[in-house]
Amino acid sequence: MTLPNFNDLKVISNKEISKKIIQTEKELFNLRFKKATRQVFKSHEIKYKKRQLAQLKTLLTIRLDRIEENKSNFLLQVTKEK
């Protein structure tokens, strides 16, 4: 298992990103639960899931910021025209 690549995530939609965030948070919770209860698990998976979650949240934040920026630019253009 290799670390996820940020460029691979850029092609998925915002809905898919949100679903993957929820799924990754659940997987991370389960891994932490296994660690706390001393069950067998691969400890490196915690690092991978944390990194994947950070990448997904970063990508979603960037996209939402761009949407907000476009909306504000549009409003500025509309007010200047009037």
N, C-alpha and C. Protein backbone atom coordinates (compact mmCIF):
# COMPACT_ATOMS: atom_id res chain seq x y z
N MET A 1 0.85 -1.18 0.00
CA MET A 1 0.00 0.00 0.00
C MET A 1 0.89 1.24 0.00
N THR A 2 0.66 2.10 -0.95
CA THR A 2 1.46 3.31 -1.04
C THR A 2 0.65 4.51 -0.55
N LEU A 3 1.35 5.58 -0.26
CA LEU A 3 0.67 6.79 0.16
C LEU A 3 -0.16 7.35 -1.00
N PRO A 4 -1.35 7.87 -0.72
CA PRO A 4 -2.18 8.40 -1.79
C PRO A 4 -1.56 9.63 -2.43
N ASN A 5 -1.77 9.77 -3.72
CA ASN A 5 -1.21 10.88 -4.48
C ASN A 5 -2.27 11.98 -4.62
N PHE A 6 -1.89 13.20 -4.32
CA PHE A 6 -2.84 14.32 -4.34
C PHE A 6 -3.39 14.56 -5.74
N ASN A 7 -2.58 14.35 -6.77
CA ASN A 7 -3.03 14.58 -8.15
C ASN A 7 -4.13 13.61 -8.56
N ASP A 8 -4.16 12.42 -7.98
CA ASP A 8 -5.20 11.46 -8.30
C ASP A 8 -6.55 11.90 -7.77
N LEU A 9 -6.57 12.71 -6.72
CA LEU A 9 -7.81 13.13 -6.10
C LEU A 9 -8.45 14.31 -6.80
N LYS A 10 -7.70 15.02 -7.62
CA LYS A 10 -8.21 16.23 -8.25
C LYS A 10 -9.33 15.98 -9.24
N VAL A 11 -9.46 14.79 -9.75
CA VAL A 11 -10.45 14.51 -10.79
C VAL A 11 -11.83 14.12 -10.25
N ILE A 12 -11.94 13.86 -8.96
CA ILE A 12 -13.24 13.44 -8.42
C ILE A 12 -14.09 14.65 -8.04
N SER A 13 -15.39 14.44 -8.02
CA SER A 13 -16.32 15.54 -7.76
C SER A 13 -16.39 15.86 -6.27
N ASN A 14 -17.03 16.99 -5.95
CA ASN A 14 -17.15 17.42 -4.55
C ASN A 14 -17.98 16.43 -3.73
N LYS A 15 -19.04 15.87 -4.34
CA LYS A 15 -19.86 14.88 -3.63
C LYS A 15 -19.04 13.64 -3.29
N GLU A 16 -18.26 13.19 -4.25
CA GLU A 16 -17.42 12.02 -4.01
C GLU A 16 -16.37 12.31 -2.94
N ILE A 17 -15.84 13.52 -2.95
CA ILE A 17 -14.86 13.91 -1.92
C ILE A 17 -15.51 13.85 -0.55
N SER A 18 -16.73 14.38 -0.43
CA SER A 18 -17.44 14.37 0.85
C SER A 18 -17.68 12.94 1.33
N LYS A 19 -18.08 12.07 0.41
CA LYS A 19 -18.30 10.67 0.77
C LYS A 19 -17.01 10.01 1.22
N LYS A 20 -15.92 10.30 0.50
CA LYS A 20 -14.63 9.71 0.86
C LYS A 20 -14.14 10.23 2.20
N ILE A 21 -14.43 11.50 2.51
CA ILE A 21 -14.04 12.06 3.81
C ILE A 21 -14.74 11.29 4.93
N ILE A 22 -16.03 11.08 4.78
CA ILE A 22 -16.79 10.35 5.79
C ILE A 22 -16.28 8.92 5.93
N GLN A 23 -16.04 8.27 4.80
CA GLN A 23 -15.54 6.90 4.81
C GLN A 23 -14.17 6.82 5.47
N THR A 24 -13.30 7.74 5.16
CA THR A 24 -11.95 7.74 5.72
C THR A 24 -11.97 8.01 7.22
N GLU A 25 -12.86 8.92 7.66
CA GLU A 25 -12.98 9.18 9.10
C GLU A 25 -13.45 7.93 9.84
N LYS A 26 -14.38 7.19 9.25
CA LYS A 26 -14.85 5.94 9.87
C LYS A 26 -13.73 4.91 9.94
N GLU A 27 -12.97 4.78 8.85
CA GLU A 27 -11.86 3.83 8.84
C GLU A 27 -10.80 4.21 9.87
N LEU A 28 -10.52 5.51 9.98
CA LEU A 28 -9.54 5.98 10.95
C LEU A 28 -10.02 5.71 12.37
N PHE A 29 -11.32 5.93 12.62
CA PHE A 29 -11.89 5.63 13.93
C PHE A 29 -11.73 4.15 14.26
N ASN A 30 -12.05 3.29 13.29
CA ASN A 30 -11.93 1.85 13.51
C ASN A 30 -10.49 1.44 13.79
N LEU A 31 -9.55 2.04 13.08
CA LEU A 31 -8.14 1.73 13.34
C LEU A 31 -7.72 2.16 14.74
N ARG A 32 -8.15 3.35 15.13
CA ARG A 32 -7.82 3.82 16.49
C ARG A 32 -8.48 2.95 17.55
N PHE A 33 -9.69 2.49 17.27
CA PHE A 33 -10.40 1.60 18.20
C PHE A 33 -9.66 0.27 18.32
N LYS A 34 -9.20 -0.25 17.19
CA LYS A 34 -8.42 -1.49 17.22
C LYS A 34 -7.13 -1.31 18.03
N LYS A 35 -6.51 -0.16 17.89
CA LYS A 35 -5.28 0.11 18.63
C LYS A 35 -5.56 0.16 20.13
N ALA A 36 -6.66 0.83 20.50
CA ALA A 36 -6.99 0.98 21.92
C ALA A 36 -7.37 -0.36 22.55
N THR A 37 -7.99 -1.23 21.78
CA THR A 37 -8.40 -2.53 22.31
C THR A 37 -7.37 -3.62 22.06
N ARG A 38 -6.21 -3.20 21.57
CA ARG A 38 -5.08 -4.10 21.32
C ARG A 38 -5.40 -5.24 20.35
N GLN A 39 -6.22 -4.92 19.36
CA GLN A 39 -6.48 -5.90 18.31
C GLN A 39 -5.38 -5.82 17.26
N VAL A 40 -5.32 -6.83 16.43
CA VAL A 40 -4.30 -6.87 15.39
C VAL A 40 -4.69 -5.92 14.26
N PHE A 41 -3.76 -5.05 13.89
CA PHE A 41 -3.96 -4.14 12.77
C PHE A 41 -2.60 -3.70 12.28
N LYS A 42 -2.59 -3.12 11.10
CA LYS A 42 -1.34 -2.62 10.52
C LYS A 42 -1.20 -1.16 10.94
N SER A 43 -0.21 -0.89 11.74
CA SER A 43 -0.07 0.44 12.34
C SER A 43 0.19 1.54 11.31
N HIS A 44 0.79 1.19 10.19
CA HIS A 44 1.06 2.21 9.17
C HIS A 44 -0.22 2.72 8.51
N GLU A 45 -1.30 1.96 8.61
CA GLU A 45 -2.56 2.39 8.01
C GLU A 45 -3.12 3.65 8.67
N ILE A 46 -2.82 3.86 9.94
CA ILE A 46 -3.27 5.08 10.61
C ILE A 46 -2.63 6.29 9.94
N LYS A 47 -1.34 6.22 9.69
CA LYS A 47 -0.64 7.31 9.02
C LYS A 47 -1.22 7.56 7.63
N TYR A 48 -1.47 6.50 6.89
CA TYR A 48 -2.01 6.65 5.53
C TYR A 48 -3.40 7.27 5.55
N LYS A 49 -4.23 6.83 6.47
CA LYS A 49 -5.61 7.35 6.54
C LYS A 49 -5.62 8.82 6.98
N LYS A 50 -4.74 9.18 7.92
CA LYS A 50 -4.66 10.57 8.34
C LYS A 50 -4.22 11.46 7.19
N ARG A 51 -3.26 10.99 6.43
CA ARG A 51 -2.78 11.77 5.29
C ARG A 51 -3.85 11.89 4.22
N GLN A 52 -4.54 10.79 3.94
CA GLN A 52 -5.61 10.81 2.94
C GLN A 52 -6.72 11.76 3.36
N LEU A 53 -7.07 11.74 4.64
CA LEU A 53 -8.11 12.63 5.15
C LEU A 53 -7.69 14.09 5.01
N ALA A 54 -6.45 14.39 5.32
CA ALA A 54 -5.95 15.76 5.18
C ALA A 54 -5.97 16.22 3.73
N GLN A 55 -5.59 15.34 2.82
CA GLN A 55 -5.61 15.68 1.40
C GLN A 55 -7.03 15.95 0.91
N LEU A 56 -7.96 15.11 1.31
CA LEU A 56 -9.35 15.28 0.89
C LEU A 56 -9.94 16.59 1.42
N LYS A 57 -9.68 16.87 2.69
CA LYS A 57 -10.20 18.11 3.28
C LYS A 57 -9.56 19.34 2.65
N THR A 58 -8.28 19.26 2.34
CA THR A 58 -7.59 20.37 1.70
C THR A 58 -8.17 20.64 0.31
N LEU A 59 -8.37 19.58 -0.46
CA LEU A 59 -8.92 19.73 -1.80
C LEU A 59 -10.33 20.31 -1.76
N LEU A 60 -11.14 19.84 -0.82
CA LEU A 60 -12.51 20.36 -0.70
C LEU A 60 -12.50 21.83 -0.29
N THR A 61 -11.62 22.20 0.62
CA THR A 61 -11.51 23.59 1.05
C THR A 61 -11.08 24.49 -0.10
N ILE A 62 -10.12 24.04 -0.88
CA ILE A 62 -9.66 24.82 -2.03
C ILE A 62 -10.79 25.04 -3.02
N ARG A 63 -11.53 23.98 -3.30
CA ARG A 63 -12.65 24.10 -4.25
C ARG A 63 -13.74 25.02 -3.72
N LEU A 64 -14.08 24.92 -2.46
CA LEU A 64 -15.12 25.77 -1.89
C LEU A 64 -14.67 27.23 -1.86
N ASP A 65 -13.39 27.46 -1.59
CA ASP A 65 -12.87 28.84 -1.62
C ASP A 65 -12.97 29.43 -3.01
N ARG A 66 -12.67 28.62 -4.02
CA ARG A 66 -12.78 29.10 -5.40
C ARG A 66 -14.22 29.44 -5.75
N ILE A 67 -15.15 28.63 -5.30
CA ILE A 67 -16.57 28.91 -5.57
C ILE A 67 -16.98 30.22 -4.92
N GLU A 68 -16.58 30.42 -3.67
CA GLU A 68 -16.91 31.66 -2.97
C GLU A 68 -16.26 32.86 -3.65
N GLU A 69 -15.04 32.69 -4.11
CA GLU A 69 -14.33 33.77 -4.78
C GLU A 69 -15.04 34.14 -6.09
N ASN A 70 -15.48 33.13 -6.82
CA ASN A 70 -16.20 33.39 -8.07
C ASN A 70 -17.52 34.10 -7.82
N LYS A 71 -18.21 33.72 -6.76
CA LYS A 71 -19.47 34.38 -6.42
C LYS A 71 -19.25 35.84 -6.05
N SER A 72 -18.22 36.10 -5.27
CA SER A 72 -17.96 37.49 -4.86
C SER A 72 -17.52 38.34 -6.06
N ASN A 73 -16.72 37.75 -6.95
CA ASN A 73 -16.32 38.48 -8.16
C ASN A 73 -17.52 38.79 -9.05
N PHE A 74 -18.43 37.85 -9.15
CA PHE A 74 -19.64 38.05 -9.94
C PHE A 74 -20.49 39.17 -9.35
N LEU A 75 -20.62 39.18 -8.03
CA LEU A 75 -21.41 40.23 -7.37
C LEU A 75 -20.77 41.60 -7.57
N LEU A 76 -19.45 41.66 -7.54
CA LEU A 76 -18.76 42.92 -7.78
C LEU A 76 -18.98 43.41 -9.20
N GLN A 77 -18.97 42.52 -10.13
CA GLN A 77 -19.19 42.89 -11.52
C GLN A 77 -20.61 43.38 -11.74
N VAL A 78 -21.57 42.74 -11.11
CA VAL A 78 -22.97 43.12 -11.26
C VAL A 78 -23.21 44.51 -10.66
N THR A 79 -22.61 44.77 -9.51
CA THR A 79 -22.81 46.07 -8.86
C THR A 79 -22.12 47.19 -9.63
N LYS A 80 -20.99 46.90 -10.28
CA LYS A 80 -20.29 47.91 -11.08
C LYS A 80 -21.08 48.27 -12.34
N GLU A 81 -21.78 47.29 -12.90
CA GLU A 81 -22.55 47.53 -14.12
C GLU A 81 -23.76 48.44 -13.86
N LYS A 82 -24.30 48.38 -12.68
CA LYS A 82 -25.48 49.19 -12.37
C LYS A 82 -25.09 50.58 -12.10
